[in-house]
N, C-alpha and C. Protein backbone atom coordinates (compact mmCIF):
# COMPACT_ATOMS: atom_id res chain seq x y z
N TRP A 1 -16.63 26.71 -124.01
CA TRP A 1 -17.63 25.67 -124.29
C TRP A 1 -18.42 26.05 -125.53
N GLN A 2 -18.80 27.33 -125.62
CA GLN A 2 -19.60 27.79 -126.76
C GLN A 2 -18.77 27.78 -128.05
N GLU A 3 -17.53 28.26 -127.96
CA GLU A 3 -16.70 28.36 -129.17
C GLU A 3 -16.37 26.98 -129.73
N ARG A 4 -16.27 25.98 -128.90
CA ARG A 4 -15.98 24.63 -129.38
C ARG A 4 -17.14 24.04 -130.16
N ARG A 5 -18.34 24.58 -129.96
CA ARG A 5 -19.52 24.02 -130.61
C ARG A 5 -20.05 24.88 -131.75
N ALA A 6 -19.50 26.09 -131.89
CA ALA A 6 -19.96 26.99 -132.95
C ALA A 6 -19.43 26.53 -134.30
N ALA A 7 -20.26 26.68 -135.33
CA ALA A 7 -19.84 26.28 -136.68
C ALA A 7 -18.70 27.16 -137.18
N ASP A 8 -18.79 28.46 -136.89
CA ASP A 8 -17.73 29.41 -137.27
C ASP A 8 -17.32 30.21 -136.04
N PRO A 9 -16.50 29.63 -135.18
CA PRO A 9 -16.15 30.29 -133.91
C PRO A 9 -15.31 31.54 -134.13
N ILE A 10 -15.52 32.53 -133.27
CA ILE A 10 -14.70 33.74 -133.32
C ILE A 10 -13.27 33.41 -132.88
N LEU A 11 -13.16 32.64 -131.81
CA LEU A 11 -11.86 32.15 -131.34
C LEU A 11 -11.91 30.63 -131.37
N ASP A 12 -11.23 30.06 -132.31
CA ASP A 12 -11.28 28.61 -132.47
C ASP A 12 -10.31 27.96 -131.49
N VAL A 13 -10.82 27.62 -130.31
CA VAL A 13 -9.97 27.04 -129.27
C VAL A 13 -9.50 25.63 -129.63
N ARG A 14 -10.09 25.06 -130.67
CA ARG A 14 -9.63 23.74 -131.10
C ARG A 14 -8.21 23.79 -131.66
N LEU A 15 -7.74 24.98 -131.97
CA LEU A 15 -6.36 25.13 -132.45
C LEU A 15 -5.35 24.69 -131.39
N PHE A 16 -5.74 24.74 -130.12
CA PHE A 16 -4.82 24.35 -129.05
C PHE A 16 -4.53 22.86 -129.05
N ARG A 17 -5.28 22.10 -129.84
CA ARG A 17 -4.95 20.68 -129.98
C ARG A 17 -3.68 20.48 -130.80
N LEU A 18 -3.28 21.52 -131.54
CA LEU A 18 -2.05 21.45 -132.34
C LEU A 18 -0.86 21.77 -131.44
N ARG A 19 0.06 20.84 -131.34
CA ARG A 19 1.17 20.98 -130.40
C ARG A 19 2.02 22.21 -130.69
N ASP A 20 2.41 22.42 -131.94
CA ASP A 20 3.27 23.56 -132.28
C ASP A 20 2.57 24.88 -131.99
N PHE A 21 1.27 24.92 -132.19
CA PHE A 21 0.50 26.13 -131.90
C PHE A 21 0.52 26.42 -130.40
N SER A 22 0.23 25.41 -129.59
CA SER A 22 0.18 25.58 -128.14
C SER A 22 1.54 25.93 -127.57
N VAL A 23 2.58 25.23 -128.03
CA VAL A 23 3.93 25.49 -127.55
C VAL A 23 4.36 26.91 -127.91
N GLY A 24 4.07 27.33 -129.14
CA GLY A 24 4.45 28.66 -129.58
C GLY A 24 3.78 29.75 -128.76
N LEU A 25 2.47 29.60 -128.49
CA LEU A 25 1.76 30.61 -127.72
C LEU A 25 2.24 30.64 -126.27
N THR A 26 2.46 29.46 -125.69
CA THR A 26 2.99 29.40 -124.32
C THR A 26 4.35 30.07 -124.24
N SER A 27 5.19 29.80 -125.23
CA SER A 27 6.51 30.43 -125.26
C SER A 27 6.39 31.94 -125.36
N ALA A 28 5.43 32.42 -126.15
CA ALA A 28 5.25 33.86 -126.30
C ALA A 28 4.85 34.51 -124.98
N VAL A 29 3.93 33.88 -124.26
CA VAL A 29 3.51 34.43 -122.97
C VAL A 29 4.70 34.52 -122.02
N VAL A 30 5.48 33.44 -121.93
CA VAL A 30 6.63 33.41 -121.02
C VAL A 30 7.69 34.43 -121.42
N ALA A 31 8.04 34.46 -122.70
CA ALA A 31 9.09 35.36 -123.18
C ALA A 31 8.71 36.82 -122.96
N PHE A 32 7.47 37.18 -123.27
CA PHE A 32 7.06 38.57 -123.11
C PHE A 32 6.83 38.93 -121.65
N THR A 33 6.47 37.96 -120.83
CA THR A 33 6.38 38.21 -119.39
C THR A 33 7.74 38.61 -118.86
N ALA A 34 8.76 37.85 -119.23
CA ALA A 34 10.11 38.12 -118.74
C ALA A 34 10.65 39.45 -119.25
N SER A 35 10.51 39.69 -120.55
CA SER A 35 11.08 40.91 -121.12
C SER A 35 10.33 42.16 -120.65
N ALA A 36 9.00 42.07 -120.55
CA ALA A 36 8.22 43.24 -120.13
C ALA A 36 8.56 43.65 -118.70
N GLY A 37 8.75 42.66 -117.83
CA GLY A 37 9.13 42.98 -116.45
C GLY A 37 10.43 43.76 -116.40
N ALA A 38 11.42 43.32 -117.20
CA ALA A 38 12.71 44.00 -117.22
C ALA A 38 12.61 45.36 -117.89
N TYR A 39 11.89 45.43 -119.00
CA TYR A 39 11.73 46.71 -119.71
C TYR A 39 11.10 47.76 -118.80
N PHE A 40 10.17 47.33 -117.95
CA PHE A 40 9.49 48.27 -117.07
C PHE A 40 10.38 48.72 -115.92
N LEU A 41 11.15 47.80 -115.36
CA LEU A 41 11.93 48.11 -114.16
C LEU A 41 13.25 48.81 -114.45
N LEU A 42 13.88 48.49 -115.59
CA LEU A 42 15.21 49.04 -115.86
C LEU A 42 15.23 50.57 -115.89
N PRO A 43 14.28 51.26 -116.52
CA PRO A 43 14.31 52.73 -116.47
C PRO A 43 14.28 53.29 -115.06
N PHE A 44 13.53 52.63 -114.15
CA PHE A 44 13.52 53.06 -112.76
C PHE A 44 14.90 52.89 -112.13
N TYR A 45 15.54 51.77 -112.46
CA TYR A 45 16.89 51.54 -111.93
C TYR A 45 17.85 52.61 -112.43
N LEU A 46 17.80 52.91 -113.72
CA LEU A 46 18.72 53.89 -114.30
C LEU A 46 18.49 55.28 -113.72
N GLN A 47 17.24 55.65 -113.54
CA GLN A 47 16.95 57.00 -113.07
C GLN A 47 17.14 57.14 -111.57
N MET A 48 16.64 56.16 -110.80
CA MET A 48 16.63 56.32 -109.35
C MET A 48 17.92 55.84 -108.70
N VAL A 49 18.56 54.83 -109.28
CA VAL A 49 19.78 54.28 -108.69
C VAL A 49 21.02 54.87 -109.33
N GLN A 50 21.03 54.91 -110.67
CA GLN A 50 22.19 55.44 -111.37
C GLN A 50 22.16 56.96 -111.48
N GLY A 51 21.02 57.55 -111.19
CA GLY A 51 20.94 59.01 -111.21
C GLY A 51 20.85 59.61 -112.60
N VAL A 52 20.40 58.85 -113.58
CA VAL A 52 20.28 59.37 -114.94
C VAL A 52 19.13 60.38 -115.00
N ARG A 53 19.37 61.52 -115.57
CA ARG A 53 18.34 62.54 -115.69
C ARG A 53 17.25 62.09 -116.66
N PRO A 54 16.00 62.44 -116.40
CA PRO A 54 14.89 62.00 -117.26
C PRO A 54 15.10 62.33 -118.73
N GLU A 55 15.68 63.50 -119.01
CA GLU A 55 15.84 63.90 -120.41
C GLU A 55 16.89 63.07 -121.14
N LEU A 56 17.76 62.38 -120.37
CA LEU A 56 18.78 61.54 -120.99
C LEU A 56 18.40 60.06 -121.00
N LEU A 57 17.38 59.73 -120.22
CA LEU A 57 17.02 58.32 -120.08
C LEU A 57 16.60 57.71 -121.42
N GLY A 58 15.74 58.41 -122.14
CA GLY A 58 15.29 57.90 -123.44
C GLY A 58 16.44 57.73 -124.41
N LEU A 59 17.38 58.66 -124.35
CA LEU A 59 18.53 58.60 -125.24
C LEU A 59 19.37 57.35 -124.96
N LEU A 60 19.53 57.03 -123.68
CA LEU A 60 20.32 55.85 -123.31
C LEU A 60 19.63 54.56 -123.74
N LEU A 61 18.31 54.55 -123.78
CA LEU A 61 17.58 53.35 -124.16
C LEU A 61 17.38 53.23 -125.66
N THR A 62 17.73 54.28 -126.40
CA THR A 62 17.57 54.26 -127.85
C THR A 62 18.36 53.14 -128.52
N PRO A 63 19.62 52.86 -128.12
CA PRO A 63 20.36 51.78 -128.78
C PRO A 63 19.64 50.44 -128.74
N ALA A 64 18.90 50.17 -127.67
CA ALA A 64 18.15 48.92 -127.59
C ALA A 64 17.07 48.87 -128.66
N GLY A 65 16.41 50.01 -128.90
CA GLY A 65 15.42 50.06 -129.96
C GLY A 65 16.03 49.88 -131.33
N VAL A 66 17.24 50.43 -131.52
CA VAL A 66 17.94 50.27 -132.79
C VAL A 66 18.29 48.80 -133.01
N VAL A 67 18.72 48.13 -131.95
CA VAL A 67 19.04 46.69 -132.05
C VAL A 67 17.83 45.91 -132.51
N THR A 68 16.67 46.21 -131.92
CA THR A 68 15.45 45.51 -132.30
C THR A 68 15.11 45.75 -133.77
N ALA A 69 15.21 47.02 -134.20
CA ALA A 69 14.85 47.36 -135.57
C ALA A 69 15.78 46.69 -136.58
N LEU A 70 17.06 46.60 -136.25
CA LEU A 70 18.02 46.02 -137.18
C LEU A 70 18.03 44.50 -137.14
N ALA A 71 17.87 43.95 -135.93
CA ALA A 71 18.01 42.51 -135.77
C ALA A 71 16.78 41.74 -136.23
N SER A 72 15.60 42.33 -136.09
CA SER A 72 14.37 41.60 -136.41
C SER A 72 14.35 41.07 -137.85
N PRO A 73 14.59 41.90 -138.88
CA PRO A 73 14.58 41.35 -140.25
C PRO A 73 15.72 40.38 -140.50
N VAL A 74 16.87 40.64 -139.89
CA VAL A 74 18.02 39.76 -140.09
C VAL A 74 17.73 38.38 -139.50
N MET A 75 17.24 38.35 -138.26
CA MET A 75 16.96 37.07 -137.61
C MET A 75 15.80 36.35 -138.30
N GLY A 76 14.86 37.12 -138.84
CA GLY A 76 13.78 36.50 -139.61
C GLY A 76 14.31 35.80 -140.84
N HIS A 77 15.26 36.45 -141.51
CA HIS A 77 15.88 35.85 -142.70
C HIS A 77 16.67 34.60 -142.32
N VAL A 78 17.42 34.68 -141.23
CA VAL A 78 18.18 33.51 -140.77
C VAL A 78 17.24 32.37 -140.40
N ALA A 79 16.14 32.71 -139.75
CA ALA A 79 15.19 31.68 -139.34
C ALA A 79 14.59 30.97 -140.54
N ASP A 80 14.37 31.69 -141.64
CA ASP A 80 13.85 31.06 -142.85
C ASP A 80 14.81 30.01 -143.40
N ARG A 81 16.09 30.18 -143.10
CA ARG A 81 17.10 29.27 -143.64
C ARG A 81 17.41 28.10 -142.69
N VAL A 82 17.46 28.36 -141.39
CA VAL A 82 17.87 27.31 -140.45
C VAL A 82 16.73 26.76 -139.61
N GLY A 83 15.57 27.40 -139.67
CA GLY A 83 14.43 26.89 -138.90
C GLY A 83 13.95 27.91 -137.88
N HIS A 84 12.64 28.15 -137.88
CA HIS A 84 12.07 29.15 -136.97
C HIS A 84 12.21 28.76 -135.51
N ARG A 85 12.04 27.50 -135.21
CA ARG A 85 12.05 27.07 -133.82
C ARG A 85 13.44 27.24 -133.20
N ARG A 86 14.47 26.98 -133.97
CA ARG A 86 15.83 27.12 -133.44
C ARG A 86 16.15 28.57 -133.10
N ILE A 87 15.80 29.48 -133.99
CA ILE A 87 16.10 30.88 -133.74
C ILE A 87 15.23 31.42 -132.59
N ALA A 88 13.98 30.98 -132.52
CA ALA A 88 13.12 31.41 -131.43
C ALA A 88 13.68 30.94 -130.09
N THR A 89 14.18 29.71 -130.06
CA THR A 89 14.78 29.18 -128.84
C THR A 89 16.04 29.97 -128.47
N LEU A 90 16.83 30.33 -129.47
CA LEU A 90 18.01 31.17 -129.23
C LEU A 90 17.60 32.51 -128.64
N GLY A 91 16.52 33.08 -129.14
CA GLY A 91 16.04 34.36 -128.61
C GLY A 91 15.65 34.25 -127.15
N VAL A 92 14.96 33.18 -126.78
CA VAL A 92 14.57 32.97 -125.38
C VAL A 92 15.82 32.82 -124.51
N ALA A 93 16.82 32.09 -125.03
CA ALA A 93 18.06 31.89 -124.27
C ALA A 93 18.78 33.22 -124.07
N LEU A 94 18.81 34.07 -125.09
CA LEU A 94 19.43 35.39 -124.95
C LEU A 94 18.69 36.23 -123.92
N ASN A 95 17.38 36.16 -123.95
CA ASN A 95 16.58 36.86 -122.94
C ASN A 95 16.96 36.41 -121.55
N GLY A 96 17.03 35.09 -121.37
CA GLY A 96 17.37 34.55 -120.06
C GLY A 96 18.76 34.97 -119.61
N ALA A 97 19.73 34.91 -120.52
CA ALA A 97 21.10 35.31 -120.18
C ALA A 97 21.17 36.78 -119.79
N GLY A 98 20.49 37.63 -120.56
CA GLY A 98 20.49 39.05 -120.25
C GLY A 98 19.85 39.35 -118.90
N LEU A 99 18.74 38.67 -118.61
CA LEU A 99 18.05 38.89 -117.35
C LEU A 99 18.88 38.41 -116.16
N LEU A 100 19.55 37.27 -116.31
CA LEU A 100 20.39 36.76 -115.22
C LEU A 100 21.55 37.71 -114.96
N CYS A 101 22.08 38.31 -116.01
CA CYS A 101 23.14 39.31 -115.82
C CYS A 101 22.59 40.57 -115.16
N LEU A 102 21.39 40.97 -115.54
CA LEU A 102 20.77 42.13 -114.91
C LEU A 102 20.55 41.91 -113.42
N SER A 103 20.33 40.66 -113.04
CA SER A 103 20.10 40.36 -111.63
C SER A 103 21.32 40.59 -110.76
N GLN A 104 22.46 40.85 -111.40
CA GLN A 104 23.70 41.11 -110.66
C GLN A 104 24.02 42.60 -110.57
N LEU A 105 23.17 43.44 -111.14
CA LEU A 105 23.43 44.88 -111.07
C LEU A 105 23.35 45.37 -109.63
N GLY A 106 24.20 46.32 -109.31
CA GLY A 106 24.22 46.89 -107.97
C GLY A 106 24.13 48.40 -108.01
N VAL A 107 24.31 49.01 -106.86
CA VAL A 107 24.23 50.46 -106.76
C VAL A 107 25.35 51.13 -107.55
N ALA A 108 26.53 50.49 -107.57
CA ALA A 108 27.70 51.11 -108.20
C ALA A 108 28.05 50.50 -109.55
N THR A 109 27.14 49.73 -110.14
CA THR A 109 27.41 49.09 -111.44
C THR A 109 27.57 50.14 -112.53
N SER A 110 28.45 49.86 -113.48
CA SER A 110 28.68 50.77 -114.60
C SER A 110 27.39 50.99 -115.39
N LEU A 111 27.11 52.23 -115.70
CA LEU A 111 25.92 52.58 -116.48
C LEU A 111 25.98 51.96 -117.86
N ILE A 112 27.16 51.95 -118.46
CA ILE A 112 27.33 51.38 -119.80
C ILE A 112 26.98 49.90 -119.79
N TRP A 113 27.37 49.18 -118.75
CA TRP A 113 27.08 47.76 -118.65
C TRP A 113 25.57 47.52 -118.60
N ALA A 114 24.85 48.34 -117.87
CA ALA A 114 23.40 48.19 -117.80
C ALA A 114 22.76 48.42 -119.16
N VAL A 115 23.22 49.42 -119.89
CA VAL A 115 22.69 49.71 -121.22
C VAL A 115 22.99 48.57 -122.19
N LEU A 116 24.19 48.01 -122.11
CA LEU A 116 24.56 46.89 -122.97
C LEU A 116 23.68 45.67 -122.70
N LEU A 117 23.39 45.42 -121.44
CA LEU A 117 22.52 44.28 -121.11
C LEU A 117 21.11 44.50 -121.65
N PHE A 118 20.66 45.74 -121.63
CA PHE A 118 19.34 46.05 -122.19
C PHE A 118 19.33 45.77 -123.69
N MET A 119 20.46 46.03 -124.34
CA MET A 119 20.57 45.73 -125.77
C MET A 119 20.53 44.23 -126.01
N VAL A 120 21.10 43.44 -125.10
CA VAL A 120 21.03 41.98 -125.22
C VAL A 120 19.59 41.51 -125.13
N LEU A 121 18.83 42.09 -124.20
CA LEU A 121 17.41 41.74 -124.08
C LEU A 121 16.67 42.06 -125.38
N SER A 122 16.97 43.20 -125.96
CA SER A 122 16.31 43.59 -127.20
C SER A 122 16.67 42.64 -128.33
N LEU A 123 17.93 42.21 -128.38
CA LEU A 123 18.33 41.22 -129.38
C LEU A 123 17.59 39.91 -129.17
N GLY A 124 17.41 39.53 -127.91
CA GLY A 124 16.70 38.30 -127.61
C GLY A 124 15.26 38.33 -128.08
N ILE A 125 14.55 39.41 -127.78
CA ILE A 125 13.13 39.48 -128.16
C ILE A 125 13.00 39.64 -129.67
N ALA A 126 13.97 40.32 -130.30
CA ALA A 126 13.95 40.45 -131.76
C ALA A 126 14.19 39.10 -132.42
N SER A 127 15.02 38.27 -131.81
CA SER A 127 15.30 36.94 -132.35
C SER A 127 14.15 35.97 -132.12
N PHE A 128 13.34 36.26 -131.11
CA PHE A 128 12.27 35.34 -130.73
C PHE A 128 10.96 35.60 -131.45
N HIS A 129 10.53 36.85 -131.49
CA HIS A 129 9.13 37.14 -131.82
C HIS A 129 8.75 36.72 -133.25
N ALA A 130 9.48 37.19 -134.25
CA ALA A 130 9.09 36.88 -135.63
C ALA A 130 9.18 35.38 -135.94
N PRO A 131 10.29 34.69 -135.60
CA PRO A 131 10.34 33.25 -135.86
C PRO A 131 9.26 32.46 -135.12
N ASN A 132 9.01 32.83 -133.87
CA ASN A 132 7.99 32.11 -133.11
C ASN A 132 6.61 32.33 -133.71
N SER A 133 6.33 33.56 -134.14
CA SER A 133 5.04 33.84 -134.77
C SER A 133 4.90 33.05 -136.07
N SER A 134 5.99 32.96 -136.83
CA SER A 134 5.96 32.20 -138.08
C SER A 134 5.68 30.73 -137.81
N ALA A 135 6.29 30.18 -136.76
CA ALA A 135 6.07 28.78 -136.41
C ALA A 135 4.63 28.54 -136.01
N ILE A 136 4.03 29.49 -135.29
CA ILE A 136 2.62 29.36 -134.89
C ILE A 136 1.72 29.37 -136.11
N LEU A 137 1.95 30.31 -137.02
CA LEU A 137 1.12 30.41 -138.22
C LEU A 137 1.28 29.19 -139.12
N ALA A 138 2.50 28.65 -139.15
CA ALA A 138 2.75 27.47 -139.98
C ALA A 138 2.04 26.23 -139.44
N ALA A 139 1.67 26.27 -138.17
CA ALA A 139 1.04 25.11 -137.54
C ALA A 139 -0.45 25.01 -137.86
N VAL A 140 -1.04 26.09 -138.40
CA VAL A 140 -2.49 26.10 -138.65
C VAL A 140 -2.75 26.22 -140.15
N ASP A 141 -3.97 25.90 -140.54
CA ASP A 141 -4.37 26.04 -141.94
C ASP A 141 -4.40 27.52 -142.32
N ASP A 142 -4.31 27.78 -143.63
CA ASP A 142 -4.29 29.16 -144.12
C ASP A 142 -5.54 29.93 -143.71
N ASN A 143 -6.69 29.26 -143.66
CA ASN A 143 -7.92 29.97 -143.32
C ASN A 143 -8.03 30.30 -141.83
N ALA A 144 -7.06 29.84 -141.05
CA ALA A 144 -7.07 30.13 -139.61
C ALA A 144 -6.00 31.15 -139.21
N HIS A 145 -5.32 31.74 -140.21
CA HIS A 145 -4.24 32.68 -139.89
C HIS A 145 -4.74 33.92 -139.15
N GLY A 146 -5.94 34.38 -139.46
CA GLY A 146 -6.48 35.56 -138.78
C GLY A 146 -6.67 35.29 -137.30
N VAL A 147 -7.28 34.15 -136.98
CA VAL A 147 -7.51 33.78 -135.58
C VAL A 147 -6.18 33.55 -134.88
N ALA A 148 -5.24 32.88 -135.56
CA ALA A 148 -3.93 32.61 -134.97
C ALA A 148 -3.20 33.92 -134.67
N SER A 149 -3.30 34.90 -135.57
CA SER A 149 -2.68 36.19 -135.33
C SER A 149 -3.28 36.88 -134.11
N GLY A 150 -4.60 36.73 -133.96
CA GLY A 150 -5.24 37.29 -132.77
C GLY A 150 -4.72 36.66 -131.50
N PHE A 151 -4.52 35.36 -131.51
CA PHE A 151 -3.97 34.67 -130.34
C PHE A 151 -2.54 35.12 -130.06
N ILE A 152 -1.76 35.36 -131.12
CA ILE A 152 -0.38 35.83 -130.93
C ILE A 152 -0.37 37.19 -130.24
N ASN A 153 -1.24 38.09 -130.69
CA ASN A 153 -1.33 39.41 -130.05
C ASN A 153 -1.81 39.29 -128.61
N LEU A 154 -2.76 38.39 -128.38
CA LEU A 154 -3.25 38.16 -127.02
C LEU A 154 -2.12 37.65 -126.12
N ALA A 155 -1.32 36.71 -126.63
CA ALA A 155 -0.22 36.17 -125.85
C ALA A 155 0.79 37.26 -125.50
N ARG A 156 1.10 38.12 -126.49
CA ARG A 156 2.07 39.19 -126.24
C ARG A 156 1.53 40.17 -125.19
N ASN A 157 0.29 40.59 -125.34
CA ASN A 157 -0.28 41.54 -124.39
C ASN A 157 -0.43 40.93 -123.01
N LEU A 158 -0.82 39.66 -122.96
CA LEU A 158 -0.95 38.98 -121.67
C LEU A 158 0.40 38.90 -120.98
N GLY A 159 1.44 38.56 -121.74
CA GLY A 159 2.78 38.52 -121.17
C GLY A 159 3.23 39.87 -120.65
N ASN A 160 2.94 40.93 -121.40
CA ASN A 160 3.32 42.28 -120.97
C ASN A 160 2.64 42.65 -119.65
N VAL A 161 1.35 42.36 -119.56
CA VAL A 161 0.60 42.69 -118.34
C VAL A 161 1.13 41.91 -117.15
N ILE A 162 1.34 40.61 -117.34
CA ILE A 162 1.83 39.77 -116.23
C ILE A 162 3.23 40.20 -115.82
N GLY A 163 4.09 40.46 -116.81
CA GLY A 163 5.48 40.80 -116.50
C GLY A 163 5.61 42.08 -115.71
N ILE A 164 4.88 43.12 -116.13
CA ILE A 164 4.94 44.40 -115.41
C ILE A 164 4.39 44.25 -114.00
N ALA A 165 3.26 43.55 -113.88
CA ALA A 165 2.66 43.36 -112.55
C ALA A 165 3.56 42.51 -111.65
N ALA A 166 4.12 41.44 -112.20
CA ALA A 166 4.96 40.55 -111.40
C ALA A 166 6.24 41.26 -110.97
N GLY A 167 6.90 41.95 -111.90
CA GLY A 167 8.13 42.65 -111.56
C GLY A 167 7.92 43.69 -110.48
N THR A 168 6.86 44.49 -110.62
CA THR A 168 6.56 45.51 -109.63
C THR A 168 6.23 44.90 -108.28
N ALA A 169 5.46 43.80 -108.30
CA ALA A 169 5.07 43.16 -107.05
C ALA A 169 6.27 42.58 -106.31
N ILE A 170 7.22 42.00 -107.05
CA ILE A 170 8.41 41.42 -106.41
C ILE A 170 9.26 42.51 -105.77
N VAL A 171 9.47 43.62 -106.49
CA VAL A 171 10.26 44.72 -105.93
C VAL A 171 9.57 45.30 -104.71
N SER A 172 8.28 45.55 -104.81
CA SER A 172 7.55 46.14 -103.69
C SER A 172 7.54 45.20 -102.48
N ALA A 173 7.36 43.90 -102.72
CA ALA A 173 7.34 42.94 -101.62
C ALA A 173 8.70 42.85 -100.95
N THR A 174 9.76 42.92 -101.73
CA THR A 174 11.12 42.87 -101.16
C THR A 174 11.36 44.08 -100.28
N MET A 175 10.95 45.25 -100.74
CA MET A 175 11.12 46.46 -99.94
C MET A 175 10.28 46.40 -98.66
N ALA A 176 9.05 45.93 -98.79
CA ALA A 176 8.17 45.83 -97.62
C ALA A 176 8.72 44.85 -96.59
N ALA A 177 9.32 43.74 -97.08
CA ALA A 177 9.88 42.74 -96.17
C ALA A 177 11.04 43.30 -95.35
N ARG A 178 11.67 44.34 -95.86
CA ARG A 178 12.77 44.99 -95.14
C ARG A 178 12.29 46.15 -94.27
N GLY A 179 10.98 46.29 -94.19
CA GLY A 179 10.43 47.37 -93.39
C GLY A 179 10.50 48.72 -94.05
N LEU A 180 10.63 48.73 -95.36
CA LEU A 180 10.75 49.98 -96.11
C LEU A 180 9.43 50.31 -96.79
N PRO A 181 9.18 51.57 -97.10
CA PRO A 181 7.97 51.93 -97.84
C PRO A 181 7.98 51.25 -99.21
N PRO A 182 6.98 50.44 -99.53
CA PRO A 182 6.97 49.71 -100.81
C PRO A 182 6.53 50.58 -101.97
N THR A 183 7.25 51.67 -102.18
CA THR A 183 6.90 52.59 -103.26
C THR A 183 8.15 53.07 -103.96
N PHE A 184 8.11 53.10 -105.28
CA PHE A 184 9.27 53.54 -106.05
C PHE A 184 9.56 55.02 -105.83
N ALA A 185 8.53 55.79 -105.52
CA ALA A 185 8.69 57.23 -105.39
C ALA A 185 9.64 57.61 -104.25
N ALA A 186 9.82 56.70 -103.28
CA ALA A 186 10.67 57.00 -102.14
C ALA A 186 12.15 56.78 -102.43
N VAL A 187 12.44 56.16 -103.57
CA VAL A 187 13.82 55.78 -103.89
C VAL A 187 14.48 56.86 -104.75
N THR A 188 15.60 57.37 -104.27
CA THR A 188 16.40 58.31 -105.06
C THR A 188 17.87 58.04 -104.80
N GLY A 189 18.70 58.34 -105.79
CA GLY A 189 20.13 58.10 -105.65
C GLY A 189 20.76 58.92 -104.55
N GLN A 190 20.13 60.04 -104.17
CA GLN A 190 20.69 60.89 -103.13
C GLN A 190 19.94 60.72 -101.80
N GLY A 191 19.02 59.75 -101.76
CA GLY A 191 18.19 59.58 -100.58
C GLY A 191 18.71 58.52 -99.63
N ASP A 192 17.79 57.90 -98.91
CA ASP A 192 18.11 56.90 -97.90
C ASP A 192 18.81 55.71 -98.54
N ALA A 193 19.99 55.34 -98.01
CA ALA A 193 20.76 54.22 -98.57
C ALA A 193 20.00 52.91 -98.42
N ALA A 194 19.24 52.76 -97.33
CA ALA A 194 18.48 51.52 -97.12
C ALA A 194 17.40 51.37 -98.18
N LEU A 195 16.73 52.47 -98.53
CA LEU A 195 15.72 52.42 -99.58
C LEU A 195 16.34 52.05 -100.92
N LEU A 196 17.51 52.62 -101.18
CA LEU A 196 18.20 52.35 -102.43
C LEU A 196 18.58 50.87 -102.52
N GLU A 197 19.14 50.37 -101.45
CA GLU A 197 19.55 48.96 -101.43
C GLU A 197 18.34 48.03 -101.48
N GLY A 198 17.25 48.43 -100.85
CA GLY A 198 16.04 47.61 -100.89
C GLY A 198 15.47 47.52 -102.30
N PHE A 199 15.47 48.64 -103.01
CA PHE A 199 14.99 48.61 -104.39
C PHE A 199 15.89 47.74 -105.26
N VAL A 200 17.20 47.90 -105.13
CA VAL A 200 18.13 47.10 -105.93
C VAL A 200 17.97 45.62 -105.62
N ALA A 201 17.78 45.28 -104.35
CA ALA A 201 17.58 43.87 -103.99
C ALA A 201 16.32 43.32 -104.65
N GLY A 202 15.25 44.11 -104.66
CA GLY A 202 14.02 43.68 -105.32
C GLY A 202 14.19 43.57 -106.82
N PHE A 203 14.90 44.53 -107.39
CA PHE A 203 15.19 44.50 -108.83
C PHE A 203 15.98 43.24 -109.18
N ASN A 204 16.99 42.93 -108.38
CA ASN A 204 17.80 41.73 -108.62
C ASN A 204 16.96 40.46 -108.51
N ARG A 205 16.09 40.42 -107.52
CA ARG A 205 15.25 39.22 -107.32
C ARG A 205 14.28 39.06 -108.48
N ALA A 206 13.69 40.16 -108.92
CA ALA A 206 12.71 40.10 -110.01
C ALA A 206 13.37 39.63 -111.31
N THR A 207 14.50 40.24 -111.66
CA THR A 207 15.17 39.85 -112.91
C THR A 207 15.73 38.44 -112.83
N LEU A 208 16.14 38.01 -111.64
CA LEU A 208 16.62 36.64 -111.48
C LEU A 208 15.50 35.63 -111.74
N LEU A 209 14.33 35.88 -111.17
CA LEU A 209 13.21 34.96 -111.36
C LEU A 209 12.73 34.97 -112.81
N LEU A 210 12.66 36.16 -113.41
CA LEU A 210 12.23 36.25 -114.81
C LEU A 210 13.25 35.59 -115.73
N GLY A 211 14.55 35.76 -115.42
CA GLY A 211 15.58 35.11 -116.22
C GLY A 211 15.53 33.60 -116.09
N ALA A 212 15.30 33.12 -114.87
CA ALA A 212 15.20 31.67 -114.66
C ALA A 212 14.02 31.10 -115.44
N LEU A 213 12.94 31.87 -115.52
CA LEU A 213 11.77 31.44 -116.29
C LEU A 213 12.14 31.24 -117.76
N CYS A 214 12.93 32.17 -118.32
CA CYS A 214 13.36 32.04 -119.71
C CYS A 214 14.31 30.86 -119.90
N VAL A 215 15.20 30.65 -118.96
CA VAL A 215 16.14 29.54 -119.06
C VAL A 215 15.39 28.21 -119.06
N VAL A 216 14.42 28.08 -118.17
CA VAL A 216 13.61 26.85 -118.12
C VAL A 216 12.88 26.65 -119.44
N LEU A 217 12.32 27.73 -119.99
CA LEU A 217 11.62 27.63 -121.27
C LEU A 217 12.57 27.21 -122.38
N ALA A 218 13.75 27.82 -122.43
CA ALA A 218 14.73 27.49 -123.46
C ALA A 218 15.16 26.03 -123.35
N LEU A 219 15.43 25.56 -122.14
CA LEU A 219 15.82 24.16 -121.94
C LEU A 219 14.69 23.23 -122.36
N GLY A 220 13.46 23.61 -122.01
CA GLY A 220 12.32 22.78 -122.38
C GLY A 220 12.19 22.68 -123.88
N ARG A 221 12.40 23.79 -124.59
CA ARG A 221 12.30 23.75 -126.05
C ARG A 221 13.43 22.92 -126.66
N VAL A 222 14.62 22.99 -126.08
CA VAL A 222 15.73 22.20 -126.59
C VAL A 222 15.51 20.71 -126.36
N LEU A 223 15.12 20.35 -125.16
CA LEU A 223 14.94 18.94 -124.81
C LEU A 223 13.81 18.30 -125.60
N ARG A 224 12.76 19.09 -125.90
CA ARG A 224 11.64 18.57 -126.67
C ARG A 224 11.77 18.86 -128.16
N ARG A 225 12.92 19.50 -128.48
CA ARG A 225 13.25 19.80 -129.89
C ARG A 225 12.16 20.64 -130.54
N VAL A 226 11.73 21.67 -129.82
CA VAL A 226 10.75 22.61 -130.38
C VAL A 226 11.31 24.02 -130.34
């Protein structure tokens, strides 16, 4: 209420009247919610279910970081040529596809397959973030770029917080519903098979819901041509 009436607002909420600005920020919250949930849960899956030693876990996740570093400038260049919204929508779709595939992981799934899917997620977020941010900034006047950038960072951080909390809550609730201790610490590859299966079931449910969220967002952007 106050910011709408201030002559020079710190956060100009009137920017939300711009459709491209609002759509871009909403997309950012959804995309980062989905990816953050998976990014947080997958290391637990690799270590506790696949039995990956902690000292090797970071090494296995390094290729995903390399994909992000290499793909981000390339996809940004492509987006400049074919349109930011199209590439951002492609990134959301890749996120959704990767998450839906992750929802099929089991106790005996190939470790290489899990790492490859993580790389798909990284490609998706690399394809989404820069083009979507460019579309948001393009929707506002030049003198509002600072405020718009602040909103972009807020959307990303908000998505990360929601995604981690939601993913953890879904896994814990699934384990509790099976009468199991709702704690990750109880799950080990050499421990109780019921605990292991309960964690995997929760992991599958969480990634399925997060992937469906991305698919709905991607379809919405395609149907509305944004």
